[in-house]
């Protein structure tokens, strides 16, 4: 269940579960994090950024239209440091900088146009990846990820481009047919859960410095039983 994890005078930070939209989507009513934000504060409250439906973790929300605008500006100016936790296939034994341009969906015309793609026509996109632990039995690495840019599906696409697809990923690093099946399952709420979690936000707002962290999600635990953690 989504919950308010931190509150200041102008904003709140919510922990979004996986498989919930940040904003309502399309013509049909879907429960979204926006409902939760507005029931805590008021109809003027809005998220200042969004997480994918599949991604869990921290979302910053302004309480008034002015604070929403001010917080959105921080994201636009890259003044918010975001870190994520991910479980990915394969052994990652050293830090990686993934620097590959991304073309986002609004510029792609085809049936799987929800997918971003790596393309020289895309915008510069950089993701820092640090290994935290490794499960040799499942061949899965726990990673700390810091995106330096904010493209659609950036972390998911970048990791699959270096052969470390996120566990539960159905869109990237899979055949088109599999991606179509995944999207159909997603419509019915039957898709596997993506192991990607927005774990911390760090920013300065009105002279104060905030660092807000979210604990490791329950769904990560079975993959990490009895493993040493390096962080």
Protein backbone atom coordinates (compact mmCIF):
# COMPACT_ATOMS: atom_id res chain seq x y z
CA UNK A 1 0.00 0.00 0.00
CA UNK A 2 1.30 3.48 -0.86
CA UNK A 3 2.27 5.51 2.18
CA UNK A 4 3.50 8.95 3.19
CA UNK A 5 7.07 8.51 4.46
CA UNK A 6 8.16 12.12 4.98
CA UNK A 7 6.34 15.43 5.25
CA UNK A 8 7.58 19.03 5.19
CA UNK A 9 5.65 22.31 5.03
CA UNK A 10 5.53 22.41 1.20
CA UNK A 11 5.79 18.78 0.15
CA UNK A 12 5.50 15.12 1.07
CA UNK A 13 7.39 12.02 -0.07
CA UNK A 14 5.39 8.86 -0.78
CA UNK A 15 6.52 5.26 -1.16
CA UNK A 16 4.76 3.91 -4.27
CA UNK A 17 4.17 0.15 -4.52
CA UNK A 18 4.98 -1.68 -7.73
CA UNK A 19 2.16 -1.98 -10.30
CA UNK A 20 0.45 1.30 -9.49
CA UNK A 21 0.47 4.32 -11.81
CA UNK A 22 1.82 7.65 -10.56
CA UNK A 23 -0.94 9.49 -12.49
CA UNK A 24 -4.28 8.12 -13.75
CA UNK A 25 -3.88 6.72 -17.24
CA UNK A 26 -6.15 6.73 -20.30
CA UNK A 27 -9.94 6.86 -20.31
CA UNK A 28 -10.52 4.22 -17.67
CA UNK A 29 -10.22 4.86 -13.97
CA UNK A 30 -7.13 3.24 -12.47
CA UNK A 31 -6.17 3.71 -8.87
CA UNK A 32 -3.08 5.92 -8.92
CA UNK A 33 -0.66 7.47 -6.46
CA UNK A 34 -2.25 10.85 -7.26
CA UNK A 35 -5.43 9.75 -5.39
CA UNK A 36 -3.37 8.97 -2.30
CA UNK A 37 -1.44 12.27 -2.52
CA UNK A 38 -4.61 14.34 -2.87
CA UNK A 39 -6.41 12.53 -0.07
CA UNK A 40 -3.46 13.33 2.24
CA UNK A 41 -3.16 16.98 1.22
CA UNK A 42 -5.62 18.64 -1.21
CA UNK A 43 -6.71 18.70 -4.84
CA UNK A 44 -3.82 21.10 -5.56
CA UNK A 45 -1.22 18.52 -4.53
CA UNK A 46 0.59 16.70 -7.36
CA UNK A 47 3.65 14.53 -7.91
CA UNK A 48 6.68 16.53 -9.13
CA UNK A 49 7.97 13.57 -11.21
CA UNK A 50 6.83 10.07 -12.07
CA UNK A 51 7.88 6.47 -11.66
CA UNK A 52 6.95 3.72 -14.13
CA UNK A 53 3.92 1.60 -13.25
CA UNK A 54 6.30 -1.33 -12.62
CA UNK A 55 8.82 0.58 -10.46
CA UNK A 56 8.29 0.99 -6.72
CA UNK A 57 9.76 3.64 -4.44
CA UNK A 58 9.93 7.30 -3.57
CA UNK A 59 7.85 9.98 -5.26
CA UNK A 60 8.09 13.64 -4.24
CA UNK A 61 4.81 15.58 -4.26
CA UNK A 62 4.17 19.30 -3.83
CA UNK A 63 1.23 20.37 -1.66
CA UNK A 64 0.33 23.52 -3.65
CA UNK A 65 0.52 24.38 -7.34
CA UNK A 66 3.45 26.71 -6.56
CA UNK A 67 5.43 24.06 -4.68
CA UNK A 68 4.71 21.52 -7.45
CA UNK A 69 6.17 24.03 -9.95
CA UNK A 70 9.23 24.69 -7.77
CA UNK A 71 9.90 20.97 -7.23
CA UNK A 72 9.44 20.17 -10.94
CA UNK A 73 12.05 22.86 -11.67
CA UNK A 74 14.54 21.04 -9.40
CA UNK A 75 14.09 17.87 -11.48
CA UNK A 76 14.36 19.82 -14.76
CA UNK A 77 17.60 21.43 -13.56
CA UNK A 78 18.97 18.01 -12.46
CA UNK A 79 19.22 19.18 -8.85
CA UNK A 80 17.65 16.03 -7.39
CA UNK A 81 19.98 13.07 -6.87
CA UNK A 82 17.99 9.85 -7.29
CA UNK A 83 19.29 6.39 -6.48
CA UNK A 84 17.63 3.07 -7.23
CA UNK A 85 18.09 -0.54 -6.17
CA UNK A 86 17.75 -3.22 -8.84
CA UNK A 87 18.14 -6.98 -9.11
CA UNK A 88 19.66 -7.82 -12.48
CA UNK A 89 20.67 -11.01 -14.30
CA UNK A 90 24.36 -11.92 -14.40
CA UNK A 91 27.42 -10.99 -12.35
CA UNK A 92 28.25 -7.30 -12.15
CA UNK A 93 31.59 -7.21 -10.33
CA UNK A 94 32.66 -3.62 -10.91
CA UNK A 95 31.07 -0.19 -11.29
CA UNK A 96 29.89 0.68 -14.81
CA UNK A 97 29.08 4.00 -16.47
CA UNK A 98 26.52 3.42 -19.24
CA UNK A 99 26.61 6.35 -21.66
CA UNK A 100 24.25 5.65 -24.57
CA UNK A 101 21.79 8.07 -26.22
CA UNK A 102 18.09 7.21 -25.83
CA UNK A 103 15.26 7.92 -28.26
CA UNK A 104 12.04 8.09 -26.25
CA UNK A 105 8.68 6.65 -27.36
CA UNK A 106 6.99 9.83 -28.63
CA UNK A 107 9.56 9.79 -31.47
CA UNK A 108 9.10 6.13 -32.38
CA UNK A 109 6.29 4.94 -34.64
CA UNK A 110 5.56 1.24 -34.41
CA UNK A 111 3.34 -1.11 -32.46
CA UNK A 112 5.75 -1.43 -29.53
CA UNK A 113 6.16 2.32 -29.37
CA UNK A 114 5.98 2.24 -25.58
CA UNK A 115 9.63 1.11 -25.77
CA UNK A 116 12.47 3.61 -25.73
CA UNK A 117 15.50 2.66 -27.81
CA UNK A 118 19.22 3.35 -27.96
CA UNK A 119 19.86 5.44 -31.05
CA UNK A 120 22.36 8.05 -32.27
CA UNK A 121 19.26 10.23 -32.86
CA UNK A 122 18.41 10.06 -29.15
CA UNK A 123 19.25 12.40 -26.27
CA UNK A 124 22.43 11.93 -24.21
CA UNK A 125 21.71 9.50 -21.34
CA UNK A 126 24.04 8.39 -18.56
CA UNK A 127 23.51 5.77 -15.83
CA UNK A 128 25.97 4.88 -13.05
CA UNK A 129 25.82 1.27 -11.82
CA UNK A 130 27.49 -0.02 -8.63
CA UNK A 131 27.41 -3.67 -7.52
CA UNK A 132 26.24 -4.27 -3.92
CA UNK A 133 25.94 -8.07 -3.76
CA UNK A 134 25.70 -11.20 -5.92
CA UNK A 135 23.68 -14.40 -5.62
CA UNK A 136 25.76 -17.11 -7.36
CA UNK A 137 22.97 -19.70 -7.12
CA UNK A 138 20.53 -17.53 -9.07
CA UNK A 139 23.21 -15.58 -11.03
CA UNK A 140 21.61 -12.30 -9.97
CA UNK A 141 23.33 -9.07 -8.85
CA UNK A 142 21.97 -6.46 -6.46
CA UNK A 143 22.85 -3.04 -7.89
CA UNK A 144 22.77 0.56 -6.76
CA UNK A 145 21.89 2.77 -9.72
CA UNK A 146 22.20 6.53 -10.16
CA UNK A 147 20.70 7.92 -13.38
CA UNK A 148 22.33 11.26 -14.29
CA UNK A 149 19.61 11.95 -16.87
CA UNK A 150 15.90 11.13 -16.74
CA UNK A 151 14.79 9.47 -19.98
CA UNK A 152 11.73 7.20 -20.20
CA UNK A 153 12.70 3.65 -19.08
CA UNK A 154 16.36 4.76 -18.95
CA UNK A 155 17.58 2.32 -16.28
CA UNK A 156 15.65 -0.61 -17.77
CA UNK A 157 16.96 0.01 -21.30
CA UNK A 158 20.53 0.80 -20.27
CA UNK A 159 20.87 -2.34 -18.12
CA UNK A 160 19.46 -4.59 -20.84
CA UNK A 161 21.88 -2.97 -23.34
CA UNK A 162 24.85 -4.26 -21.31
CA UNK A 163 23.31 -7.75 -20.93
CA UNK A 164 22.14 -7.26 -17.34
CA UNK A 165 18.37 -7.24 -17.77
CA UNK A 166 16.40 -6.41 -14.61
CA UNK A 167 14.64 -9.40 -13.04
CA UNK A 168 10.96 -9.31 -14.11
CA UNK A 169 11.70 -7.13 -17.17
CA UNK A 170 9.30 -7.89 -20.01
CA UNK A 171 9.91 -5.00 -22.42
CA UNK A 172 13.67 -4.71 -22.90
CA UNK A 173 16.15 -7.35 -23.97
CA UNK A 174 13.32 -9.68 -25.06
CA UNK A 175 11.87 -10.59 -28.47
CA UNK A 176 9.02 -8.38 -29.76
CA UNK A 177 6.55 -11.25 -29.37
CA UNK A 178 7.48 -11.64 -25.69
CA UNK A 179 7.15 -7.90 -25.16
CA UNK A 180 3.63 -7.95 -26.66
CA UNK A 181 2.67 -10.83 -24.36
CA UNK A 182 4.11 -8.95 -21.40
CA UNK A 183 2.00 -5.86 -22.23
CA UNK A 184 -1.13 -8.02 -22.43
CA UNK A 185 -0.37 -9.56 -19.04
CA UNK A 186 0.28 -6.06 -17.68
CA UNK A 187 -3.23 -5.00 -18.81
CA UNK A 188 -4.66 -7.86 -16.75
CA UNK A 189 -2.37 -7.15 -13.76
CA UNK A 190 -0.71 -10.56 -14.21
CA UNK A 191 2.75 -9.43 -15.28
CA UNK A 192 5.81 -10.51 -13.27
CA UNK A 193 6.99 -7.79 -10.87
CA UNK A 194 9.95 -5.69 -11.92
CA UNK A 195 12.81 -5.67 -9.41
CA UNK A 196 13.52 -1.93 -9.58
CA UNK A 197 13.02 0.37 -6.59
CA UNK A 198 13.54 4.14 -6.23
CA UNK A 199 15.46 4.01 -2.95
CA UNK A 200 16.57 7.58 -2.19
CA UNK A 201 16.07 11.24 -3.08
CA UNK A 202 18.53 13.99 -2.19
CA UNK A 203 17.88 17.68 -2.88
CA UNK A 204 18.00 21.21 -1.50
CA UNK A 205 14.74 23.13 -1.15
CA UNK A 206 14.32 26.62 0.34
CA UNK A 207 17.71 26.49 2.04
CA UNK A 208 17.32 23.05 3.64
CA UNK A 209 18.99 19.84 2.46
CA UNK A 210 16.84 16.70 2.41
CA UNK A 211 17.94 13.10 2.05
CA UNK A 212 15.04 10.66 2.13
CA UNK A 213 15.51 6.90 1.89
CA UNK A 214 13.17 3.94 1.48
CA UNK A 215 13.99 0.48 2.86
CA UNK A 216 14.68 -2.50 0.61
CA UNK A 217 11.31 -3.78 -0.64
CA UNK A 218 9.98 -7.11 0.61
CA UNK A 219 9.89 -8.54 -2.91
CA UNK A 220 13.72 -8.31 -3.12
CA UNK A 221 14.27 -10.42 0.00
CA UNK A 222 13.92 -13.98 -1.38
CA UNK A 223 16.75 -13.22 -3.85
CA UNK A 224 19.06 -11.96 -1.12
CA UNK A 225 18.61 -14.52 1.65
CA UNK A 226 21.89 -15.30 3.46
CA UNK A 227 23.95 -13.05 1.18
CA UNK A 228 26.58 -10.56 2.30
CA UNK A 229 25.59 -6.99 1.44
CA UNK A 230 28.34 -4.57 0.49
CA UNK A 231 26.51 -1.35 1.25
